């Protein structure tokens, strides 16, 4: 017989029960479930997450409720009479549509300038080795933490001398340049994840550098480009200080600057109209996220593309 009886085999009995009554160690069953320490840690993390979620949910709840309340205040209150009066008050060209159009032109143009330049700058730093690469990367990282307020006074003086004050084109160029270090940092990190072997195979087929960049590298790093584009546009969309300093005419001001018009000179704020305007103000960012969010779930397209 090849099978061994577990009840008669001494090795099996020794493994299970030990040599004697007080000798070897006995096998103990594994504990199922969480202990008191794990349970308390889970409860604490859940409470922290609920507090953080409430901190984001309460302002959103105030915006929604106040937009339908013509007598809204800073406190969160259920409207006694639901009304569209706040939306009707801001439904005009001067208050809403023109500032939003200016914001789309300013931030959209600056985002295009930033992303095109970031791709062209990140490509050589990701693919080539040169002596100034490390100092250049350190300079880019340092520039990402530089506050924009520290350079606005000399920038304003420069714009006055070159006659670019109150120019939408000048504001687009400066806003794009100020967002460039962070965009380069993000784009290079995603570009490093594209295997260079795939690009080299395109070179052997006769593709040039720019052709390989456009047809091979950029399609493979589409999720990374979507992330960098969303971050760049959102940072520009909420920027108040740069357009406030460089744009003077009321017809050129973006929505981020015209928000102060809902506060009167005596300190009174039309909270209901401000909440209604905030809903319109957030729509372009939501639409951009929904449009580019499909690329975020695709993952890295070059996974498994390199053999060996």
C-alpha atoms as a PDB file:
ATOM      1  CA  UNK A   1       0.000   0.000   0.000  1.00  0.00           C
ATOM      2  CA  UNK A   2       1.261   3.464  -0.858  1.00  0.00           C
ATOM      3  CA  UNK A   3      -1.048   5.363   1.468  1.00  0.00           C
ATOM      4  CA  UNK A   4       0.088   5.890   5.050  1.00  0.00           C
ATOM      5  CA  UNK A   5      -2.371   5.656   7.887  1.00  0.00           C
ATOM      6  CA  UNK A   6      -2.325   8.925   9.747  1.00  0.00           C
ATOM      7  CA  UNK A   7      -3.306   7.251  13.013  1.00  0.00           C
ATOM      8  CA  UNK A   8      -0.346   4.850  13.001  1.00  0.00           C
ATOM      9  CA  UNK A   9       2.381   6.967  11.453  1.00  0.00           C
ATOM     10  CA  UNK A  10       4.602   8.277  14.299  1.00  0.00           C
ATOM     11  CA  UNK A  11       5.859  11.248  12.292  1.00  0.00           C
ATOM     12  CA  UNK A  12       2.336  12.430  11.704  1.00  0.00           C
ATOM     13  CA  UNK A  13       1.476  12.012  15.351  1.00  0.00           C
ATOM     14  CA  UNK A  14       4.619  13.921  16.329  1.00  0.00           C
ATOM     15  CA  UNK A  15       3.806  16.767  13.953  1.00  0.00           C
ATOM     16  CA  UNK A  16       0.274  17.025  15.279  1.00  0.00           C
ATOM     17  CA  UNK A  17       0.608  16.462  18.969  1.00  0.00           C
ATOM     18  CA  UNK A  18       4.275  16.539  19.868  1.00  0.00           C
ATOM     19  CA  UNK A  19       6.380  13.852  21.569  1.00  0.00           C
ATOM     20  CA  UNK A  20       4.571  13.893  24.874  1.00  0.00           C
ATOM     21  CA  UNK A  21       1.952  15.636  26.922  1.00  0.00           C
ATOM     22  CA  UNK A  22       4.229  18.572  27.736  1.00  0.00           C
ATOM     23  CA  UNK A  23       6.724  18.301  24.918  1.00  0.00           C
ATOM     24  CA  UNK A  24       6.291  19.716  21.391  1.00  0.00           C
ATOM     25  CA  UNK A  25       4.183  22.622  20.254  1.00  0.00           C
ATOM     26  CA  UNK A  26       0.616  22.021  19.105  1.00  0.00           C
ATOM     27  CA  UNK A  27      -0.884  23.448  15.919  1.00  0.00           C
ATOM     28  CA  UNK A  28      -3.307  26.232  16.710  1.00  0.00           C
ATOM     29  CA  UNK A  29      -6.221  27.179  14.444  1.00  0.00           C
ATOM     30  CA  UNK A  30      -5.965  30.490  12.650  1.00  0.00           C
ATOM     31  CA  UNK A  31      -8.002  33.348  14.028  1.00  0.00           C
ATOM     32  CA  UNK A  32     -10.697  34.652  11.754  1.00  0.00           C
ATOM     33  CA  UNK A  33     -11.814  38.278  11.714  1.00  0.00           C
ATOM     34  CA  UNK A  34     -10.118  41.428  12.971  1.00  0.00           C
ATOM     35  CA  UNK A  35      -8.653  42.001  16.349  1.00  0.00           C
ATOM     36  CA  UNK A  36      -9.440  44.963  18.590  1.00  0.00           C
ATOM     37  CA  UNK A  37      -6.516  46.980  17.228  1.00  0.00           C
ATOM     38  CA  UNK A  38      -7.454  46.425  13.576  1.00  0.00           C
ATOM     39  CA  UNK A  39     -11.112  47.146  14.308  1.00  0.00           C
ATOM     40  CA  UNK A  40     -10.328  50.420  16.083  1.00  0.00           C
ATOM     41  CA  UNK A  41      -7.997  51.466  13.253  1.00  0.00           C
ATOM     42  CA  UNK A  42     -10.722  50.770  10.680  1.00  0.00           C
ATOM     43  CA  UNK A  43     -13.281  52.764  12.649  1.00  0.00           C
ATOM     44  CA  UNK A  44     -10.883  55.691  13.062  1.00  0.00           C
ATOM     45  CA  UNK A  45     -10.034  55.787   9.346  1.00  0.00           C
ATOM     46  CA  UNK A  46     -13.727  55.614   8.454  1.00  0.00           C
ATOM     47  CA  UNK A  47     -14.522  58.526  10.765  1.00  0.00           C
ATOM     48  CA  UNK A  48     -11.694  60.597   9.278  1.00  0.00           C
ATOM     49  CA  UNK A  49     -12.901  59.898   5.746  1.00  0.00           C
ATOM     50  CA  UNK A  50     -16.460  60.870   6.700  1.00  0.00           C
ATOM     51  CA  UNK A  51     -15.224  64.147   8.197  1.00  0.00           C
ATOM     52  CA  UNK A  52     -13.205  64.926   5.048  1.00  0.00           C
ATOM     53  CA  UNK A  53     -16.170  64.035   2.843  1.00  0.00           C
ATOM     54  CA  UNK A  54     -18.456  66.284   4.892  1.00  0.00           C
ATOM     55  CA  UNK A  55     -15.956  69.144   4.593  1.00  0.00           C
ATOM     56  CA  UNK A  56     -16.295  68.938   0.802  1.00  0.00           C
ATOM     57  CA  UNK A  57     -20.019  68.186   0.776  1.00  0.00           C
ATOM     58  CA  UNK A  58     -21.181  71.080   2.973  1.00  0.00           C
ATOM     59  CA  UNK A  59     -19.994  73.879   0.612  1.00  0.00           C
ATOM     60  CA  UNK A  60     -21.502  72.083  -2.379  1.00  0.00           C
ATOM     61  CA  UNK A  61     -24.773  71.704  -0.515  1.00  0.00           C
ATOM     62  CA  UNK A  62     -24.764  75.426   0.301  1.00  0.00           C
ATOM     63  CA  UNK A  63     -24.177  76.332  -3.367  1.00  0.00           C
ATOM     64  CA  UNK A  64     -27.081  74.209  -4.568  1.00  0.00           C
ATOM     65  CA  UNK A  65     -29.549  75.383  -1.909  1.00  0.00           C
ATOM     66  CA  UNK A  66     -28.537  79.042  -2.047  1.00  0.00           C
ATOM     67  CA  UNK A  67     -28.864  79.195  -5.827  1.00  0.00           C
ATOM     68  CA  UNK A  68     -32.609  78.505  -5.517  1.00  0.00           C
ATOM     69  CA  UNK A  69     -33.103  80.835  -2.550  1.00  0.00           C
ATOM     70  CA  UNK A  70     -33.564  84.541  -3.281  1.00  0.00           C
ATOM     71  CA  UNK A  71     -32.936  85.366   0.392  1.00  0.00           C
ATOM     72  CA  UNK A  72     -29.857  83.195   0.833  1.00  0.00           C
ATOM     73  CA  UNK A  73     -27.227  83.880   3.486  1.00  0.00           C
ATOM     74  CA  UNK A  74     -24.025  82.230   4.607  1.00  0.00           C
ATOM     75  CA  UNK A  75     -25.915  79.625   6.605  1.00  0.00           C
ATOM     76  CA  UNK A  76     -27.219  76.443   5.003  1.00  0.00           C
ATOM     77  CA  UNK A  77     -31.016  76.660   4.945  1.00  0.00           C
ATOM     78  CA  UNK A  78     -33.732  74.890   3.034  1.00  0.00           C
ATOM     79  CA  UNK A  79     -35.426  77.444   0.749  1.00  0.00           C
ATOM     80  CA  UNK A  80     -38.962  78.274   1.809  1.00  0.00           C
ATOM     81  CA  UNK A  81     -39.906  79.164  -1.760  1.00  0.00           C
ATOM     82  CA  UNK A  82     -37.840  77.530  -4.501  1.00  0.00           C
ATOM     83  CA  UNK A  83     -37.176  80.108  -7.169  1.00  0.00           C
ATOM     84  CA  UNK A  84     -35.149  80.592 -10.344  1.00  0.00           C
ATOM     85  CA  UNK A  85     -34.799  84.307  -9.690  1.00  0.00           C
ATOM     86  CA  UNK A  86     -31.065  84.087  -9.023  1.00  0.00           C
ATOM     87  CA  UNK A  87     -30.454  82.367 -12.350  1.00  0.00           C
ATOM     88  CA  UNK A  88     -32.660  84.895 -14.142  1.00  0.00           C
ATOM     89  CA  UNK A  89     -30.687  87.765 -12.588  1.00  0.00           C
ATOM     90  CA  UNK A  90     -27.351  86.510 -13.931  1.00  0.00           C
ATOM     91  CA  UNK A  91     -28.689  85.240 -17.261  1.00  0.00           C
ATOM     92  CA  UNK A  92     -27.203  88.025 -19.382  1.00  0.00           C
ATOM     93  CA  UNK A  93     -24.151  88.770 -21.466  1.00  0.00           C
ATOM     94  CA  UNK A  94     -22.351  91.180 -19.112  1.00  0.00           C
ATOM     95  CA  UNK A  95     -22.658  89.126 -15.923  1.00  0.00           C
ATOM     96  CA  UNK A  96     -22.196  85.537 -17.069  1.00  0.00           C
ATOM     97  CA  UNK A  97     -21.725  84.801 -20.742  1.00  0.00           C
ATOM     98  CA  UNK A  98     -18.985  87.274 -21.618  1.00  0.00           C
ATOM     99  CA  UNK A  99     -16.802  86.483 -18.550  1.00  0.00           C
ATOM    100  CA  UNK A 100     -17.178  82.749 -19.169  1.00  0.00           C
ATOM    101  CA  UNK A 101     -16.250  83.221 -22.830  1.00  0.00           C
ATOM    102  CA  UNK A 102     -13.207  85.246 -21.803  1.00  0.00           C
ATOM    103  CA  UNK A 103     -12.232  82.510 -19.360  1.00  0.00           C
ATOM    104  CA  UNK A 104     -12.550  79.834 -22.042  1.00  0.00           C
ATOM    105  CA  UNK A 105     -10.409  81.858 -24.461  1.00  0.00           C
ATOM    106  CA  UNK A 106      -7.810  82.709 -21.823  1.00  0.00           C
ATOM    107  CA  UNK A 107      -7.519  79.325 -20.119  1.00  0.00           C
ATOM    108  CA  UNK A 108      -8.110  77.247 -23.242  1.00  0.00           C
ATOM    109  CA  UNK A 109      -5.468  79.110 -25.238  1.00  0.00           C
ATOM    110  CA  UNK A 110      -2.986  79.034 -22.367  1.00  0.00           C
ATOM    111  CA  UNK A 111      -3.575  75.301 -21.843  1.00  0.00           C
ATOM    112  CA  UNK A 112      -2.844  74.586 -25.504  1.00  0.00           C
ATOM    113  CA  UNK A 113       0.340  76.673 -25.359  1.00  0.00           C
ATOM    114  CA  UNK A 114       1.429  74.975 -22.136  1.00  0.00           C
ATOM    115  CA  UNK A 115       0.779  71.385 -23.222  1.00  0.00           C
ATOM    116  CA  UNK A 116       2.403  71.740 -26.661  1.00  0.00           C
ATOM    117  CA  UNK A 117       5.489  73.334 -25.132  1.00  0.00           C
ATOM    118  CA  UNK A 118       5.556  70.825 -22.252  1.00  0.00           C
ATOM    119  CA  UNK A 119       5.583  67.857 -24.644  1.00  0.00           C
ATOM    120  CA  UNK A 120       8.391  69.361 -26.734  1.00  0.00           C
ATOM    121  CA  UNK A 121      10.419  70.143 -23.585  1.00  0.00           C
ATOM    122  CA  UNK A 122       9.767  66.831 -21.813  1.00  0.00           C
ATOM    123  CA  UNK A 123      10.722  64.670 -24.804  1.00  0.00           C
ATOM    124  CA  UNK A 124      14.493  65.430 -24.909  1.00  0.00           C
ATOM    125  CA  UNK A 125      14.730  65.267 -21.104  1.00  0.00           C
ATOM    126  CA  UNK A 126      13.091  61.858 -21.164  1.00  0.00           C
ATOM    127  CA  UNK A 127      14.954  60.350 -24.121  1.00  0.00           C
ATOM    128  CA  UNK A 128      18.418  61.960 -24.208  1.00  0.00           C
ATOM    129  CA  UNK A 129      21.327  62.361 -21.816  1.00  0.00           C
ATOM    130  CA  UNK A 130      23.204  65.641 -21.570  1.00  0.00           C
ATOM    131  CA  UNK A 131      25.221  67.406 -18.910  1.00  0.00           C
ATOM    132  CA  UNK A 132      22.680  70.077 -18.081  1.00  0.00           C
ATOM    133  CA  UNK A 133      19.845  67.574 -17.630  1.00  0.00           C
ATOM    134  CA  UNK A 134      20.025  67.296 -13.839  1.00  0.00           C
ATOM    135  CA  UNK A 135      20.388  71.068 -13.182  1.00  0.00           C
ATOM    136  CA  UNK A 136      17.545  71.706 -15.613  1.00  0.00           C
ATOM    137  CA  UNK A 137      15.280  69.226 -13.844  1.00  0.00           C
ATOM    138  CA  UNK A 138      16.142  70.729 -10.466  1.00  0.00           C
ATOM    139  CA  UNK A 139      15.355  74.176 -11.832  1.00  0.00           C
ATOM    140  CA  UNK A 140      11.971  72.956 -13.082  1.00  0.00           C
ATOM    141  CA  UNK A 141      11.170  71.392  -9.714  1.00  0.00           C
ATOM    142  CA  UNK A 142      12.165  74.641  -7.982  1.00  0.00           C
ATOM    143  CA  UNK A 143       9.969  76.650 -10.366  1.00  0.00           C
ATOM    144  CA  UNK A 144       6.908  74.557  -9.515  1.00  0.00           C
ATOM    145  CA  UNK A 145       7.020  75.866  -5.946  1.00  0.00           C
ATOM    146  CA  UNK A 146       7.684  79.499  -6.843  1.00  0.00           C
ATOM    147  CA  UNK A 147       4.667  81.676  -5.940  1.00  0.00           C
ATOM    148  CA  UNK A 148       3.290  83.687  -8.807  1.00  0.00           C
ATOM    149  CA  UNK A 149       2.922  86.766  -6.615  1.00  0.00           C
ATOM    150  CA  UNK A 150       6.710  86.965  -6.257  1.00  0.00           C
ATOM    151  CA  UNK A 151       7.203  87.860  -9.930  1.00  0.00           C
ATOM    152  CA  UNK A 152       4.049  89.780 -10.791  1.00  0.00           C
ATOM    153  CA  UNK A 153       5.485  93.257 -10.099  1.00  0.00           C
ATOM    154  CA  UNK A 154       8.416  92.917 -12.557  1.00  0.00           C
ATOM    155  CA  UNK A 155       6.102  91.151 -15.028  1.00  0.00           C
ATOM    156  CA  UNK A 156       3.639  94.027 -14.808  1.00  0.00           C
ATOM    157  CA  UNK A 157       6.449  96.541 -15.435  1.00  0.00           C
ATOM    158  CA  UNK A 158       7.629  94.502 -18.427  1.00  0.00           C
ATOM    159  CA  UNK A 159       4.131  94.326 -19.882  1.00  0.00           C
ATOM    160  CA  UNK A 160       3.756  98.085 -19.532  1.00  0.00           C
ATOM    161  CA  UNK A 161       7.016  98.677 -21.418  1.00  0.00           C
ATOM    162  CA  UNK A 162       6.160  96.304 -24.277  1.00  0.00           C
ATOM    163  CA  UNK A 163       2.539  97.553 -24.422  1.00  0.00           C
ATOM    164  CA  UNK A 164       0.932  94.199 -23.571  1.00  0.00           C
ATOM    165  CA  UNK A 165      -1.224  95.411 -20.692  1.00  0.00           C
ATOM    166  CA  UNK A 166      -4.905  94.631 -21.270  1.00  0.00           C
ATOM    167  CA  UNK A 167      -3.955  92.272 -24.078  1.00  0.00           C
ATOM    168  CA  UNK A 168      -5.613  88.850 -24.153  1.00  0.00           C
ATOM    169  CA  UNK A 169      -2.719  87.433 -26.175  1.00  0.00           C
ATOM    170  CA  UNK A 170      -0.147  88.632 -23.674  1.00  0.00           C
ATOM    171  CA  UNK A 171      -2.146  87.241 -20.767  1.00  0.00           C
ATOM    172  CA  UNK A 172      -2.412  83.877 -22.547  1.00  0.00           C
ATOM    173  CA  UNK A 173       1.352  83.732 -23.109  1.00  0.00           C
ATOM    174  CA  UNK A 174       2.226  84.619 -19.527  1.00  0.00           C
ATOM    175  CA  UNK A 175      -0.404  82.314 -18.012  1.00  0.00           C
ATOM    176  CA  UNK A 176       0.853  79.470 -20.190  1.00  0.00           C
ATOM    177  CA  UNK A 177       4.480  80.181 -19.294  1.00  0.00           C
ATOM    178  CA  UNK A 178       3.730  80.314 -15.564  1.00  0.00           C
ATOM    179  CA  UNK A 179       2.076  76.869 -15.716  1.00  0.00           C
ATOM    180  CA  UNK A 180       4.833  75.341 -17.832  1.00  0.00           C
ATOM    181  CA  UNK A 181       7.181  73.961 -15.089  1.00  0.00           C
ATOM    182  CA  UNK A 182       4.491  71.842 -13.461  1.00  0.00           C
ATOM    183  CA  UNK A 183       3.247  70.622 -16.856  1.00  0.00           C
ATOM    184  CA  UNK A 184       6.776  69.639 -17.899  1.00  0.00           C
ATOM    185  CA  UNK A 185       7.288  67.781 -14.620  1.00  0.00           C
ATOM    186  CA  UNK A 186       4.060  65.794 -15.081  1.00  0.00           C
ATOM    187  CA  UNK A 187       4.565  65.124 -18.783  1.00  0.00           C
ATOM    188  CA  UNK A 188       8.130  63.884 -18.365  1.00  0.00           C
ATOM    189  CA  UNK A 189       7.063  61.438 -15.674  1.00  0.00           C
ATOM    190  CA  UNK A 190       4.428  59.900 -17.943  1.00  0.00           C
ATOM    191  CA  UNK A 191       6.737  59.934 -20.954  1.00  0.00           C
ATOM    192  CA  UNK A 192       9.372  57.982 -19.007  1.00  0.00           C
ATOM    193  CA  UNK A 193       6.849  55.137 -18.753  1.00  0.00           C
ATOM    194  CA  UNK A 194       6.744  54.643 -22.538  1.00  0.00           C
ATOM    195  CA  UNK A 195       9.366  52.012 -23.507  1.00  0.00           C
ATOM    196  CA  UNK A 196      11.992  53.466 -25.795  1.00  0.00           C
ATOM    197  CA  UNK A 197      12.195  50.118 -27.640  1.00  0.00           C
ATOM    198  CA  UNK A 198       8.781  50.763 -29.195  1.00  0.00           C
ATOM    199  CA  UNK A 199       9.978  54.130 -30.427  1.00  0.00           C
ATOM    200  CA  UNK A 200      13.192  52.612 -31.796  1.00  0.00           C
ATOM    201  CA  UNK A 201      11.169  50.118 -33.821  1.00  0.00           C
ATOM    202  CA  UNK A 202       9.404  53.080 -35.442  1.00  0.00           C
ATOM    203  CA  UNK A 203      12.770  54.632 -36.231  1.00  0.00           C
ATOM    204  CA  UNK A 204      13.883  51.464 -38.014  1.00  0.00           C
ATOM    205  CA  UNK A 205      10.770  51.710 -40.183  1.00  0.00           C
ATOM    206  CA  UNK A 206      11.866  55.146 -41.375  1.00  0.00           C
ATOM    207  CA  UNK A 207       9.924  57.394 -38.993  1.00  0.00           C
ATOM    208  CA  UNK A 208      11.611  60.582 -37.870  1.00  0.00           C
ATOM    209  CA  UNK A 209      11.777  61.966 -34.333  1.00  0.00           C
ATOM    210  CA  UNK A 210       8.665  64.117 -34.610  1.00  0.00           C
ATOM    211  CA  UNK A 211       6.766  61.407 -36.468  1.00  0.00           C
ATOM    212  CA  UNK A 212       7.579  58.849 -33.769  1.00  0.00           C
ATOM    213  CA  UNK A 213       6.625  61.351 -31.077  1.00  0.00           C
ATOM    214  CA  UNK A 214       3.259  62.098 -32.697  1.00  0.00           C
ATOM    215  CA  UNK A 215       2.334  58.576 -33.851  1.00  0.00           C
ATOM    216  CA  UNK A 216       3.914  56.363 -31.183  1.00  0.00           C
ATOM    217  CA  UNK A 217       4.738  58.161 -27.935  1.00  0.00           C
ATOM    218  CA  UNK A 218       1.746  60.485 -27.561  1.00  0.00           C
ATOM    219  CA  UNK A 219      -0.944  57.829 -28.228  1.00  0.00           C
ATOM    220  CA  UNK A 220       0.662  55.528 -25.652  1.00  0.00           C
ATOM    221  CA  UNK A 221       0.754  58.226 -22.980  1.00  0.00           C
ATOM    222  CA  UNK A 222      -2.785  59.478 -23.618  1.00  0.00           C
ATOM    223  CA  UNK A 223      -3.891  58.970 -19.979  1.00  0.00           C
ATOM    224  CA  UNK A 224      -0.895  60.987 -18.789  1.00  0.00           C
ATOM    225  CA  UNK A 225      -1.658  63.788 -21.217  1.00  0.00           C
ATOM    226  CA  UNK A 226      -5.249  63.844 -19.983  1.00  0.00           C
ATOM    227  CA  UNK A 227      -4.089  64.184 -16.372  1.00  0.00           C
ATOM    228  CA  UNK A 228      -1.624  66.970 -17.203  1.00  0.00           C
ATOM    229  CA  UNK A 229      -4.230  68.805 -19.289  1.00  0.00           C
ATOM    230  CA  UNK A 230      -6.887  68.642 -16.569  1.00  0.00           C
ATOM    231  CA  UNK A 231      -4.493  69.839 -13.866  1.00  0.00           C
ATOM    232  CA  UNK A 232      -3.193  72.666 -16.052  1.00  0.00           C
ATOM    233  CA  UNK A 233      -6.654  73.890 -17.057  1.00  0.00           C
ATOM    234  CA  UNK A 234      -8.040  73.715 -13.508  1.00  0.00           C
ATOM    235  CA  UNK A 235      -5.136  75.732 -12.103  1.00  0.00           C
ATOM    236  CA  UNK A 236      -5.620  78.383 -14.779  1.00  0.00           C
ATOM    237  CA  UNK A 237      -9.403  78.423 -14.426  1.00  0.00           C
ATOM    238  CA  UNK A 238      -9.204  79.381 -10.763  1.00  0.00           C
ATOM    239  CA  UNK A 239      -6.383  81.888 -11.196  1.00  0.00           C
ATOM    240  CA  UNK A 240      -7.496  85.332 -10.058  1.00  0.00           C
ATOM    241  CA  UNK A 241      -4.302  87.301  -9.587  1.00  0.00           C
ATOM    242  CA  UNK A 242      -2.766  87.072 -13.082  1.00  0.00           C
ATOM    243  CA  UNK A 243      -5.799  88.281 -15.108  1.00  0.00           C
ATOM    244  CA  UNK A 244      -6.594  90.834 -12.411  1.00  0.00           C
ATOM    245  CA  UNK A 245      -3.144  92.393 -12.886  1.00  0.00           C
ATOM    246  CA  UNK A 246      -2.767  92.086 -16.662  1.00  0.00           C
ATOM    247  CA  UNK A 247      -6.331  92.694 -17.904  1.00  0.00           C
ATOM    248  CA  UNK A 248      -7.998  96.048 -17.204  1.00  0.00           C
ATOM    249  CA  UNK A 249     -10.981  96.443 -19.525  1.00  0.00           C
ATOM    250  CA  UNK A 250     -14.295  95.040 -18.219  1.00  0.00           C
ATOM    251  CA  UNK A 251     -14.954  93.351 -21.555  1.00  0.00           C
ATOM    252  CA  UNK A 252     -11.711  91.342 -21.211  1.00  0.00           C
ATOM    253  CA  UNK A 253     -12.072  90.201 -17.600  1.00  0.00           C
ATOM    254  CA  UNK A 254     -12.598  86.444 -17.057  1.00  0.00           C
ATOM    255  CA  UNK A 255     -15.130  84.916 -14.699  1.00  0.00           C
ATOM    256  CA  UNK A 256     -12.558  84.426 -11.936  1.00  0.00           C
ATOM    257  CA  UNK A 257     -12.200  88.216 -11.677  1.00  0.00           C
ATOM    258  CA  UNK A 258     -15.835  89.222 -12.157  1.00  0.00           C
ATOM    259  CA  UNK A 259     -16.824  87.222  -9.083  1.00  0.00           C
ATOM    260  CA  UNK A 260     -16.168  90.315  -6.972  1.00  0.00           C
ATOM    261  CA  UNK A 261     -19.016  92.148  -8.735  1.00  0.00           C
ATOM    262  CA  UNK A 262     -21.500  90.236  -6.570  1.00  0.00           C
ATOM    263  CA  UNK A 263     -20.221  92.217  -3.567  1.00  0.00           C
ATOM    264  CA  UNK A 264     -21.395  95.808  -3.312  1.00  0.00           C
ATOM    265  CA  UNK A 265     -19.304  98.735  -2.128  1.00  0.00           C
ATOM    266  CA  UNK A 266     -21.016  98.578   1.274  1.00  0.00           C
ATOM    267  CA  UNK A 267     -19.966  94.965   1.895  1.00  0.00           C
ATOM    268  CA  UNK A 268     -23.315  93.389   1.031  1.00  0.00           C
ATOM    269  CA  UNK A 269     -23.070  90.173  -0.984  1.00  0.00           C
ATOM    270  CA  UNK A 270     -25.793  88.719  -3.219  1.00  0.00           C
ATOM    271  CA  UNK A 271     -25.245  85.162  -2.000  1.00  0.00           C
ATOM    272  CA  UNK A 272     -28.006  83.652  -4.104  1.00  0.00           C
ATOM    273  CA  UNK A 273     -26.694  85.133  -7.349  1.00  0.00           C
ATOM    274  CA  UNK A 274     -23.159  84.232  -6.351  1.00  0.00           C
ATOM    275  CA  UNK A 275     -24.195  80.597  -5.829  1.00  0.00           C
ATOM    276  CA  UNK A 276     -26.018  80.505  -9.165  1.00  0.00           C
ATOM    277  CA  UNK A 277     -22.988  81.992 -10.921  1.00  0.00           C
ATOM    278  CA  UNK A 278     -20.737  79.427  -9.213  1.00  0.00           C
ATOM    279  CA  UNK A 279     -22.736  76.605 -10.771  1.00  0.00           C
ATOM    280  CA  UNK A 280     -22.205  78.040 -14.259  1.00  0.00           C
ATOM    281  CA  UNK A 281     -18.575  78.745 -13.398  1.00  0.00           C
ATOM    282  CA  UNK A 282     -17.873  75.101 -12.538  1.00  0.00           C
ATOM    283  CA  UNK A 283     -19.531  73.610 -15.633  1.00  0.00           C
ATOM    284  CA  UNK A 284     -16.534  73.929 -18.043  1.00  0.00           C
ATOM    285  CA  UNK A 285     -14.250  72.086 -15.615  1.00  0.00           C
ATOM    286  CA  UNK A 286     -16.817  69.299 -15.174  1.00  0.00           C
ATOM    287  CA  UNK A 287     -17.281  69.009 -18.941  1.00  0.00           C
ATOM    288  CA  UNK A 288     -13.509  68.850 -19.490  1.00  0.00           C
ATOM    289  CA  UNK A 289     -13.168  66.114 -16.871  1.00  0.00           C
ATOM    290  CA  UNK A 290     -16.004  64.092 -18.413  1.00  0.00           C
ATOM    291  CA  UNK A 291     -14.496  64.538 -21.881  1.00  0.00           C
ATOM    292  CA  UNK A 292     -10.951  63.552 -20.902  1.00  0.00           C
ATOM    293  CA  UNK A 293     -11.950  61.188 -18.096  1.00  0.00           C
ATOM    294  CA  UNK A 294     -12.456  58.375 -20.582  1.00  0.00           C
ATOM    295  CA  UNK A 295      -8.718  58.375 -21.256  1.00  0.00           C
ATOM    296  CA  UNK A 296      -7.930  58.021 -17.544  1.00  0.00           C
ATOM    297  CA  UNK A 297      -9.465  54.548 -17.350  1.00  0.00           C
ATOM    298  CA  UNK A 298      -7.543  53.121 -20.309  1.00  0.00           C
ATOM    299  CA  UNK A 299      -4.358  52.554 -18.340  1.00  0.00           C
ATOM    300  CA  UNK A 300      -0.947  52.253 -19.909  1.00  0.00           C
ATOM    301  CA  UNK A 301      -1.462  51.220 -23.521  1.00  0.00           C
ATOM    302  CA  UNK A 302       2.105  49.920 -23.960  1.00  0.00           C
ATOM    303  CA  UNK A 303       1.814  47.280 -21.223  1.00  0.00           C
ATOM    304  CA  UNK A 304       3.105  44.042 -22.704  1.00  0.00           C
ATOM    305  CA  UNK A 305       4.314  45.755 -25.854  1.00  0.00           C
ATOM    306  CA  UNK A 306       7.963  44.918 -25.138  1.00  0.00           C
ATOM    307  CA  UNK A 307       9.006  41.291 -25.181  1.00  0.00           C
ATOM    308  CA  UNK A 308      11.587  39.849 -22.842  1.00  0.00           C
END
